[in-house]
PDB file of N, CA and C in Angstrom:
ATOM      1  N   MET A   1     -23.391   6.217 111.346  1.00  0.00           N
ATOM      2  CA  MET A   1     -22.833   6.149 109.675  1.00  0.00           C
ATOM      3  C   MET A   1     -23.167   6.798 108.693  1.00  0.00           C
ATOM      4  N   SER A   2     -23.037   8.255 108.299  1.00  0.00           N
ATOM      5  CA  SER A   2     -23.844   8.033 106.473  1.00  0.00           C
ATOM      6  C   SER A   2     -23.997   7.491 105.728  1.00  0.00           C
ATOM      7  N   ALA A   3     -25.121   7.810 105.184  1.00  0.00           N
ATOM      8  CA  ALA A   3     -25.282   7.267 103.623  1.00  0.00           C
ATOM      9  C   ALA A   3     -23.902   7.135 102.840  1.00  0.00           C
ATOM     10  N   GLU A   4     -23.216   9.061 102.556  1.00  0.00           N
ATOM     11  CA  GLU A   4     -23.005   9.608 101.999  1.00  0.00           C
ATOM     12  C   GLU A   4     -21.600   8.719 101.882  1.00  0.00           C
ATOM     13  N   SER A   5     -20.264   8.720 101.414  1.00  0.00           N
ATOM     14  CA  SER A   5     -19.462   7.970 101.340  1.00  0.00           C
ATOM     15  C   SER A   5     -18.009   8.865 101.399  1.00  0.00           C
ATOM     16  N   PRO A   6     -17.522   8.949 102.680  1.00  0.00           N
ATOM     17  CA  PRO A   6     -16.401   9.740 102.601  1.00  0.00           C
ATOM     18  C   PRO A   6     -15.692  10.492 101.838  1.00  0.00           C
ATOM     19  N   ARG A   7     -15.423  11.875 101.953  1.00  0.00           N
ATOM     20  CA  ARG A   7     -15.112  12.697 101.067  1.00  0.00           C
ATOM     21  C   ARG A   7     -13.226  12.092 101.153  1.00  0.00           C
ATOM     22  N   ARG A   8     -12.659  12.397  99.843  1.00  0.00           N
ATOM     23  CA  ARG A   8     -11.414  12.064 100.193  1.00  0.00           C
ATOM     24  C   ARG A   8     -10.976  13.688  99.813  1.00  0.00           C
ATOM     25  N   ALA A   9      -9.356  14.037 100.529  1.00  0.00           N
ATOM     26  CA  ALA A   9      -8.529  15.208 100.346  1.00  0.00           C
ATOM     27  C   ALA A   9      -9.166  15.646  98.694  1.00  0.00           C
ATOM     28  N   PRO A  10      -8.915  16.720  98.326  1.00  0.00           N
ATOM     29  CA  PRO A  10      -8.656  16.084  97.082  1.00  0.00           C
ATOM     30  C   PRO A  10      -6.916  16.752  96.268  1.00  0.00           C
ATOM     31  N   THR A  11      -6.493  16.217  95.101  1.00  0.00           N
ATOM     32  CA  THR A  11      -5.189  15.633  94.855  1.00  0.00           C
ATOM     33  C   THR A  11      -5.398  16.521  93.915  1.00  0.00           C
ATOM     34  N   THR A  12      -6.478  17.560  93.287  1.00  0.00           N
ATOM     35  CA  THR A  12      -6.348  18.685  92.417  1.00  0.00           C
ATOM     36  C   THR A  12      -6.235  19.737  93.223  1.00  0.00           C
ATOM     37  N   THR A  13      -5.488  20.502  93.052  1.00  0.00           N
ATOM     38  CA  THR A  13      -5.137  21.473  94.301  1.00  0.00           C
ATOM     39  C   THR A  13      -5.927  23.331  94.099  1.00  0.00           C
ATOM     40  N   LEU A  14      -5.953  23.499  95.481  1.00  0.00           N
ATOM     41  CA  LEU A  14      -6.516  25.026  94.121  1.00  0.00           C
ATOM     42  C   LEU A  14      -5.968  26.143  93.282  1.00  0.00           C
ATOM     43  N   PRO A  15      -5.172  26.083  93.647  1.00  0.00           N
ATOM     44  CA  PRO A  15      -3.691  26.972  92.275  1.00  0.00           C
ATOM     45  C   PRO A  15      -4.416  26.068  90.839  1.00  0.00           C
ATOM     46  N   ASP A  16      -4.577  25.073  91.087  1.00  0.00           N
ATOM     47  CA  ASP A  16      -4.322  23.963  89.554  1.00  0.00           C
ATOM     48  C   ASP A  16      -5.662  23.875  89.210  1.00  0.00           C
ATOM     49  N   ILE A  17      -6.856  24.247  90.033  1.00  0.00           N
ATOM     50  CA  ILE A  17      -8.554  24.864  89.568  1.00  0.00           C
ATOM     51  C   ILE A  17      -8.662  26.859  89.456  1.00  0.00           C
ATOM     52  N   VAL A  18      -7.807  27.379  89.699  1.00  0.00           N
ATOM     53  CA  VAL A  18      -7.776  28.986  89.618  1.00  0.00           C
ATOM     54  C   VAL A  18      -7.185  28.644  88.071  1.00  0.00           C
ATOM     55  N   GLU A  19      -5.721  27.823  88.271  1.00  0.00           N
ATOM     56  CA  GLU A  19      -5.399  28.229  86.467  1.00  0.00           C
ATOM     57  C   GLU A  19      -5.932  28.019  85.540  1.00  0.00           C
ATOM     58  N   ARG A  20      -7.078  26.660  86.005  1.00  0.00           N
ATOM     59  CA  ARG A  20      -8.106  26.049  84.446  1.00  0.00           C
ATOM     60  C   ARG A  20      -8.981  26.829  84.506  1.00  0.00           C
ATOM     61  N   TYR A  21      -9.143  27.273  85.213  1.00  0.00           N
ATOM     62  CA  TYR A  21     -10.815  28.191  85.469  1.00  0.00           C
ATOM     63  C   TYR A  21     -10.222  29.607  84.701  1.00  0.00           C
ATOM     64  N   ALA A  22      -9.106  30.319  84.736  1.00  0.00           N
ATOM     65  CA  ALA A  22      -8.891  31.052  84.357  1.00  0.00           C
ATOM     66  C   ALA A  22      -8.843  30.965  82.421  1.00  0.00           C
ATOM     67  N   ALA A  23      -8.238  29.820  82.612  1.00  0.00           N
ATOM     68  CA  ALA A  23      -7.415  29.313  80.669  1.00  0.00           C
ATOM     69  C   ALA A  23      -9.355  28.652  80.318  1.00  0.00           C
ATOM     70  N   LEU A  24     -10.404  28.538  80.742  1.00  0.00           N
ATOM     71  CA  LEU A  24     -11.906  28.210  79.970  1.00  0.00           C
ATOM     72  C   LEU A  24     -12.076  29.298  80.544  1.00  0.00           C
ATOM     73  N   ALA A  25     -12.524  30.518  81.013  1.00  0.00           N
ATOM     74  CA  ALA A  25     -13.550  31.462  81.351  1.00  0.00           C
ATOM     75  C   ALA A  25     -13.109  32.513  80.899  1.00  0.00           C
ATOM     76  N   GLY A  26     -12.134  32.948  79.939  1.00  0.00           N
ATOM     77  CA  GLY A  26     -11.652  33.997  79.851  1.00  0.00           C
ATOM     78  C   GLY A  26     -11.248  36.148  80.257  1.00  0.00           C
ATOM     79  N   HIS A  27     -11.845  35.602  81.397  1.00  0.00           N
ATOM     80  CA  HIS A  27     -11.959  36.543  82.162  1.00  0.00           C
ATOM     81  C   HIS A  27     -12.700  36.287  83.630  1.00  0.00           C
ATOM     82  N   PHE A  28     -11.705  36.171  84.712  1.00  0.00           N
ATOM     83  CA  PHE A  28     -12.651  35.685  85.880  1.00  0.00           C
ATOM     84  C   PHE A  28     -14.063  36.623  86.402  1.00  0.00           C
ATOM     85  N   GLY A  29     -14.082  35.558  87.215  1.00  0.00           N
ATOM     86  CA  GLY A  29     -15.669  36.851  87.005  1.00  0.00           C
ATOM     87  C   GLY A  29     -17.214  35.826  85.573  1.00  0.00           C
ATOM     88  N   ASN A  30     -17.008  35.301  84.830  1.00  0.00           N
ATOM     89  CA  ASN A  30     -17.152  34.097  83.388  1.00  0.00           C
ATOM     90  C   ASN A  30     -17.687  33.087  84.890  1.00  0.00           C
ATOM     91  N   PRO A  31     -18.545  33.057  84.127  1.00  0.00           N
ATOM     92  CA  PRO A  31     -19.303  31.342  84.540  1.00  0.00           C
ATOM     93  C   PRO A  31     -18.214  30.086  83.405  1.00  0.00           C
ATOM     94  N   VAL A  32     -18.223  28.701  84.020  1.00  0.00           N
ATOM     95  CA  VAL A  32     -17.903  28.290  83.266  1.00  0.00           C
ATOM     96  C   VAL A  32     -18.600  26.909  83.605  1.00  0.00           C
ATOM     97  N   ALA A  33     -19.124  26.351  82.912  1.00  0.00           N
ATOM     98  CA  ALA A  33     -19.045  24.438  83.190  1.00  0.00           C
ATOM     99  C   ALA A  33     -18.340  24.060  84.065  1.00  0.00           C
ATOM    100  N   LEU A  34     -19.046  23.588  85.036  1.00  0.00           N
ATOM    101  CA  LEU A  34     -17.919  22.532  85.967  1.00  0.00           C
ATOM    102  C   LEU A  34     -17.729  21.001  84.805  1.00  0.00           C
ATOM    103  N   SER A  35     -18.237  21.099  84.083  1.00  0.00           N
ATOM    104  CA  SER A  35     -18.047  20.067  82.876  1.00  0.00           C
ATOM    105  C   SER A  35     -16.812  20.610  82.327  1.00  0.00           C
ATOM    106  N   ASP A  36     -16.630  21.224  82.180  1.00  0.00           N
ATOM    107  CA  ASP A  36     -15.302  22.191  80.655  1.00  0.00           C
ATOM    108  C   ASP A  36     -14.032  21.484  81.845  1.00  0.00           C
ATOM    109  N   PHE A  37     -13.608  21.246  83.367  1.00  0.00           N
ATOM    110  CA  PHE A  37     -13.206  21.095  83.709  1.00  0.00           C
ATOM    111  C   PHE A  37     -11.985  19.506  83.813  1.00  0.00           C
ATOM    112  N   ALA A  38     -12.925  18.738  82.514  1.00  0.00           N
ATOM    113  CA  ALA A  38     -13.043  17.063  82.612  1.00  0.00           C
ATOM    114  C   ALA A  38     -13.002  16.297  83.719  1.00  0.00           C
ATOM    115  N   PHE A  39     -12.810  16.514  84.562  1.00  0.00           N
ATOM    116  CA  PHE A  39     -12.989  15.468  85.457  1.00  0.00           C
ATOM    117  C   PHE A  39     -14.580  14.306  85.514  1.00  0.00           C
ATOM    118  N   ALA A  40     -14.229  13.303  85.898  1.00  0.00           N
ATOM    119  CA  ALA A  40     -14.663  12.432  86.563  1.00  0.00           C
ATOM    120  C   ALA A  40     -16.379  12.796  87.646  1.00  0.00           C
ATOM    121  N   LEU A  41     -17.608  12.748  87.223  1.00  0.00           N
ATOM    122  CA  LEU A  41     -18.589  13.310  88.305  1.00  0.00           C
ATOM    123  C   LEU A  41     -18.430  13.149  89.470  1.00  0.00           C
ATOM    124  N   GLU A  42     -17.750  11.468  89.878  1.00  0.00           N
ATOM    125  CA  GLU A  42     -17.932  11.903  91.539  1.00  0.00           C
ATOM    126  C   GLU A  42     -16.581  12.477  92.128  1.00  0.00           C
ATOM    127  N   GLU A  43     -15.668  13.043  90.931  1.00  0.00           N
ATOM    128  CA  GLU A  43     -14.524  13.702  91.138  1.00  0.00           C
ATOM    129  C   GLU A  43     -14.919  15.163  91.238  1.00  0.00           C
ATOM    130  N   THR A  44     -15.256  16.196  90.501  1.00  0.00           N
ATOM    131  CA  THR A  44     -15.716  17.027  90.083  1.00  0.00           C
ATOM    132  C   THR A  44     -16.709  17.864  91.445  1.00  0.00           C
ATOM    133  N   GLN A  45     -17.781  16.469  91.757  1.00  0.00           N
ATOM    134  CA  GLN A  45     -19.080  16.600  93.235  1.00  0.00           C
ATOM    135  C   GLN A  45     -17.370  17.235  94.344  1.00  0.00           C
ATOM    136  N   ASN A  46     -16.564  15.706  94.492  1.00  0.00           N
ATOM    137  CA  ASN A  46     -16.020  16.150  95.686  1.00  0.00           C
ATOM    138  C   ASN A  46     -15.104  16.922  95.925  1.00  0.00           C
ATOM    139  N   LEU A  47     -14.400  17.103  94.793  1.00  0.00           N
ATOM    140  CA  LEU A  47     -13.339  18.497  94.174  1.00  0.00           C
ATOM    141  C   LEU A  47     -14.035  19.825  95.083  1.00  0.00           C
ATOM    142  N   PHE A  48     -15.432  20.386  94.268  1.00  0.00           N
ATOM    143  CA  PHE A  48     -15.950  21.099  94.550  1.00  0.00           C
ATOM    144  C   PHE A  48     -16.736  21.471  95.607  1.00  0.00           C
ATOM    145  N   SER A  49     -17.167  20.361  96.260  1.00  0.00           N
ATOM    146  CA  SER A  49     -17.429  19.754  97.736  1.00  0.00           C
ATOM    147  C   SER A  49     -16.324  21.079  98.620  1.00  0.00           C
ATOM    148  N   THR A  50     -15.292  20.790  98.280  1.00  0.00           N
ATOM    149  CA  THR A  50     -14.058  20.723  99.394  1.00  0.00           C
ATOM    150  C   THR A  50     -14.135  21.803  99.676  1.00  0.00           C
ATOM    151  N   PHE A  51     -13.373  22.501  97.927  1.00  0.00           N
ATOM    152  CA  PHE A  51     -13.581  23.782  98.490  1.00  0.00           C
ATOM    153  C   PHE A  51     -14.352  24.507  98.494  1.00  0.00           C
ATOM    154  N   ASP A  52     -15.705  24.226  98.481  1.00  0.00           N
ATOM    155  CA  ASP A  52     -17.523  25.559  98.738  1.00  0.00           C
ATOM    156  C   ASP A  52     -17.389  25.007 100.608  1.00  0.00           C
ATOM    157  N   GLU A  53     -16.492  23.793 101.117  1.00  0.00           N
ATOM    158  CA  GLU A  53     -17.394  23.450 102.800  1.00  0.00           C
ATOM    159  C   GLU A  53     -15.655  24.845 103.248  1.00  0.00           C
ATOM    160  N   ASP A  54     -14.853  25.391 102.463  1.00  0.00           N
ATOM    161  CA  ASP A  54     -13.578  25.566 103.338  1.00  0.00           C
ATOM    162  C   ASP A  54     -14.116  27.370 103.266  1.00  0.00           C
ATOM    163  N   TYR A  55     -14.954  27.809 104.109  1.00  0.00           N
ATOM    164  CA  TYR A  55     -14.872  29.355 104.638  1.00  0.00           C
ATOM    165  C   TYR A  55     -14.454  30.393 103.445  1.00  0.00           C
ATOM    166  N   HIS A  56     -12.365  29.901 103.410  1.00  0.00           N
ATOM    167  CA  HIS A  56     -12.185  31.037 102.662  1.00  0.00           C
ATOM    168  C   HIS A  56     -12.440  30.849 101.451  1.00  0.00           C
ATOM    169  N   ILE A  57     -11.484  30.236 101.183  1.00  0.00           N
ATOM    170  CA  ILE A  57     -12.039  29.353  99.674  1.00  0.00           C
ATOM    171  C   ILE A  57     -13.350  29.677  98.908  1.00  0.00           C
ATOM    172  N   SER A  58     -14.627  29.245  99.745  1.00  0.00           N
ATOM    173  CA  SER A  58     -16.255  29.731  99.713  1.00  0.00           C
ATOM    174  C   SER A  58     -16.518  30.750  99.291  1.00  0.00           C
ATOM    175  N   ARG A  59     -15.278  31.974  99.315  1.00  0.00           N
ATOM    176  CA  ARG A  59     -16.422  33.077  98.965  1.00  0.00           C
ATOM    177  C   ARG A  59     -15.821  33.727  98.209  1.00  0.00           C
ATOM    178  N   PHE A  60     -15.414  32.696  97.428  1.00  0.00           N
ATOM    179  CA  PHE A  60     -14.588  33.624  96.456  1.00  0.00           C
ATOM    180  C   PHE A  60     -15.428  32.189  95.159  1.00  0.00           C
ATOM    181  N   LEU A  61     -16.044  31.619  95.018  1.00  0.00           N
ATOM    182  CA  LEU A  61     -16.649  30.924  94.246  1.00  0.00           C
ATOM    183  C   LEU A  61     -18.057  31.027  94.019  1.00  0.00           C
ATOM    184  N   HIS A  62     -18.644  30.810  93.012  1.00  0.00           N
ATOM    185  CA  HIS A  62     -19.749  31.209  93.175  1.00  0.00           C
ATOM    186  C   HIS A  62     -21.032  30.240  91.833  1.00  0.00           C
ATOM    187  N   PHE A  63     -22.042  29.222  92.293  1.00  0.00           N
ATOM    188  CA  PHE A  63     -22.021  28.358  91.621  1.00  0.00           C
ATOM    189  C   PHE A  63     -23.050  28.543  91.335  1.00  0.00           C
ATOM    190  N   SER A  64     -23.816  28.900  89.952  1.00  0.00           N
ATOM    191  CA  SER A  64     -24.638  28.950  89.607  1.00  0.00           C
ATOM    192  C   SER A  64     -25.102  27.919  88.962  1.00  0.00           C
ATOM    193  N   ARG A  65     -26.991  27.207  88.399  1.00  0.00           N
ATOM    194  CA  ARG A  65     -27.620  26.564  87.519  1.00  0.00           C
ATOM    195  C   ARG A  65     -27.922  26.697  86.591  1.00  0.00           C
ATOM    196  N   ASP A  66     -27.108  26.132  85.321  1.00  0.00           N
ATOM    197  CA  ASP A  66     -27.406  26.514  84.141  1.00  0.00           C
ATOM    198  C   ASP A  66     -28.278  25.640  83.024  1.00  0.00           C
ATOM    199  N   GLU A  67     -27.875  25.200  82.053  1.00  0.00           N
ATOM    200  CA  GLU A  67     -27.830  24.829  80.516  1.00  0.00           C
ATOM    201  C   GLU A  67     -26.524  23.536  80.920  1.00  0.00           C
ATOM    202  N   GLY A  68     -26.780  21.724  81.011  1.00  0.00           N
ATOM    203  CA  GLY A  68     -26.445  21.528  81.338  1.00  0.00           C
ATOM    204  C   GLY A  68     -25.548  20.090  82.007  1.00  0.00           C
ATOM    205  N   GLN A  69     -24.580  19.482  82.297  1.00  0.00           N
ATOM    206  CA  GLN A  69     -24.685  18.607  82.891  1.00  0.00           C
ATOM    207  C   GLN A  69     -24.686  18.876  84.544  1.00  0.00           C
ATOM    208  N   MET A  70     -25.523  18.370  85.540  1.00  0.00           N
ATOM    209  CA  MET A  70     -25.749  19.389  86.797  1.00  0.00           C
ATOM    210  C   MET A  70     -24.906  17.720  87.705  1.00  0.00           C
ATOM    211  N   TYR A  71     -23.862  18.756  88.294  1.00  0.00           N
ATOM    212  CA  TYR A  71     -23.347  18.079  89.313  1.00  0.00           C
ATOM    213  C   TYR A  71     -23.714  18.220  91.450  1.00  0.00           C
ATOM    214  N   GLN A  72     -23.691  17.514  92.480  1.00  0.00           N
ATOM    215  CA  GLN A  72     -24.109  17.603  93.849  1.00  0.00           C
ATOM    216  C   GLN A  72     -22.852  18.659  94.081  1.00  0.00           C
ATOM    217  N   VAL A  73     -23.564  20.075  94.352  1.00  0.00           N
ATOM    218  CA  VAL A  73     -21.552  20.723  95.516  1.00  0.00           C
ATOM    219  C   VAL A  73     -22.650  21.195  96.219  1.00  0.00           C
ATOM    220  N   SER A  74     -21.841  20.562  97.386  1.00  0.00           N
ATOM    221  CA  SER A  74     -22.604  20.609  99.331  1.00  0.00           C
ATOM    222  C   SER A  74     -23.556  20.457  98.802  1.00  0.00           C
ATOM    223  N   GLY A  75     -24.216  19.226  98.212  1.00  0.00           N
ATOM    224  CA  GLY A  75     -25.582  19.191  98.149  1.00  0.00           C
ATOM    225  C   GLY A  75     -26.748  20.178  97.115  1.00  0.00           C
ATOM    226  N   GLU A  76     -26.114  21.052  96.359  1.00  0.00           N
ATOM    227  CA  GLU A  76     -26.937  21.882  95.705  1.00  0.00           C
ATOM    228  C   GLU A  76     -26.297  21.564  94.313  1.00  0.00           C
ATOM    229  N   ALA A  77     -27.549  21.083  93.624  1.00  0.00           N
ATOM    230  CA  ALA A  77     -27.492  21.342  92.212  1.00  0.00           C
ATOM    231  C   ALA A  77     -27.089  22.213  91.201  1.00  0.00           C
ATOM    232  N   VAL A  78     -26.111  22.086  90.730  1.00  0.00           N
ATOM    233  CA  VAL A  78     -25.502  23.371  90.103  1.00  0.00           C
ATOM    234  C   VAL A  78     -24.652  22.407  89.141  1.00  0.00           C
ATOM    235  N   THR A  79     -24.508  23.616  87.868  1.00  0.00           N
ATOM    236  CA  THR A  79     -24.158  22.814  86.600  1.00  0.00           C
ATOM    237  C   THR A  79     -22.145  24.132  86.545  1.00  0.00           C
ATOM    238  N   HIS A  80     -22.617  25.593  86.830  1.00  0.00           N
ATOM    239  CA  HIS A  80     -21.376  25.949  86.665  1.00  0.00           C
ATOM    240  C   HIS A  80     -20.188  27.042  88.213  1.00  0.00           C
ATOM    241  N   VAL A  81     -19.519  27.258  87.612  1.00  0.00           N
ATOM    242  CA  VAL A  81     -18.764  28.026  88.238  1.00  0.00           C
ATOM    243  C   VAL A  81     -18.170  28.802  87.988  1.00  0.00           C
ATOM    244  N   ALA A  82     -18.405  30.200  88.844  1.00  0.00           N
ATOM    245  CA  ALA A  82     -17.783  31.211  88.653  1.00  0.00           C
ATOM    246  C   ALA A  82     -16.598  32.131  89.465  1.00  0.00           C
ATOM    247  N   ILE A  83     -15.932  32.577  89.511  1.00  0.00           N
ATOM    248  CA  ILE A  83     -13.886  32.388  90.543  1.00  0.00           C
ATOM    249  C   ILE A  83     -13.843  34.182  90.296  1.00  0.00           C
ATOM    250  N   ASP A  84     -14.026  34.649  91.346  1.00  0.00           N
ATOM    251  CA  ASP A  84     -13.786  36.010  91.792  1.00  0.00           C
ATOM    252  C   ASP A  84     -12.466  36.477  91.266  1.00  0.00           C
ATOM    253  N   PRO A  85     -11.518  36.757  91.159  1.00  0.00           N
ATOM    254  CA  PRO A  85     -10.258  37.804  91.031  1.00  0.00           C
ATOM    255  C   PRO A  85      -9.345  37.864  92.023  1.00  0.00           C
ATOM    256  N   ALA A  86     -10.568  38.376  93.457  1.00  0.00           N
ATOM    257  CA  ALA A  86      -9.844  38.169  94.365  1.00  0.00           C
ATOM    258  C   ALA A  86      -9.408  37.051  94.976  1.00  0.00           C
ATOM    259  N   ILE A  87      -9.537  36.039  94.479  1.00  0.00           N
ATOM    260  CA  ILE A  87      -8.928  34.690  95.216  1.00  0.00           C
ATOM    261  C   ILE A  87      -7.435  34.401  95.368  1.00  0.00           C
ATOM    262  N   TYR A  88      -7.094  34.911  94.241  1.00  0.00           N
ATOM    263  CA  TYR A  88      -5.470  35.771  94.697  1.00  0.00           C
ATOM    264  C   TYR A  88      -4.719  35.565  96.173  1.00  0.00           C
ATOM    265  N   SER A  89      -5.521  36.003  96.468  1.00  0.00           N
ATOM    266  CA  SER A  89      -4.201  36.230  98.038  1.00  0.00           C
ATOM    267  C   SER A  89      -5.117  35.031  98.528  1.00  0.00           C
ATOM    268  N   LEU A  90      -5.408  34.236  98.340  1.00  0.00           N
ATOM    269  CA  LEU A  90      -5.214  32.500  99.041  1.00  0.00           C
ATOM    270  C   LEU A  90      -3.991  31.451  98.297  1.00  0.00           C
ATOM    271  N   LEU A  91      -3.275  32.299  97.328  1.00  0.00           N
ATOM    272  CA  LEU A  91      -2.794  31.273  96.892  1.00  0.00           C
ATOM    273  C   LEU A  91      -1.608  31.772  97.176  1.00  0.00           C
TER     274      LEU A  91
END
């Protein structure tokens, strides 16, 4: 049994995240601090890890590390996410 707690299915949907990202980023492709999504630490990590582990979604998400609150997304320390506009093909 793993020491990690099991991930729960996200209650926030991909369209919700894309809409919020678009409002925060101004333009697709601009990095947005994960803290700007205003979720609790664990919820942010679980939500973005779940999306990152889905191949069809993850190819549109680009995580980076800069100044700000650090999060563990799929085992990587990151602070920001940029989303490609082509993600609309999934919505």
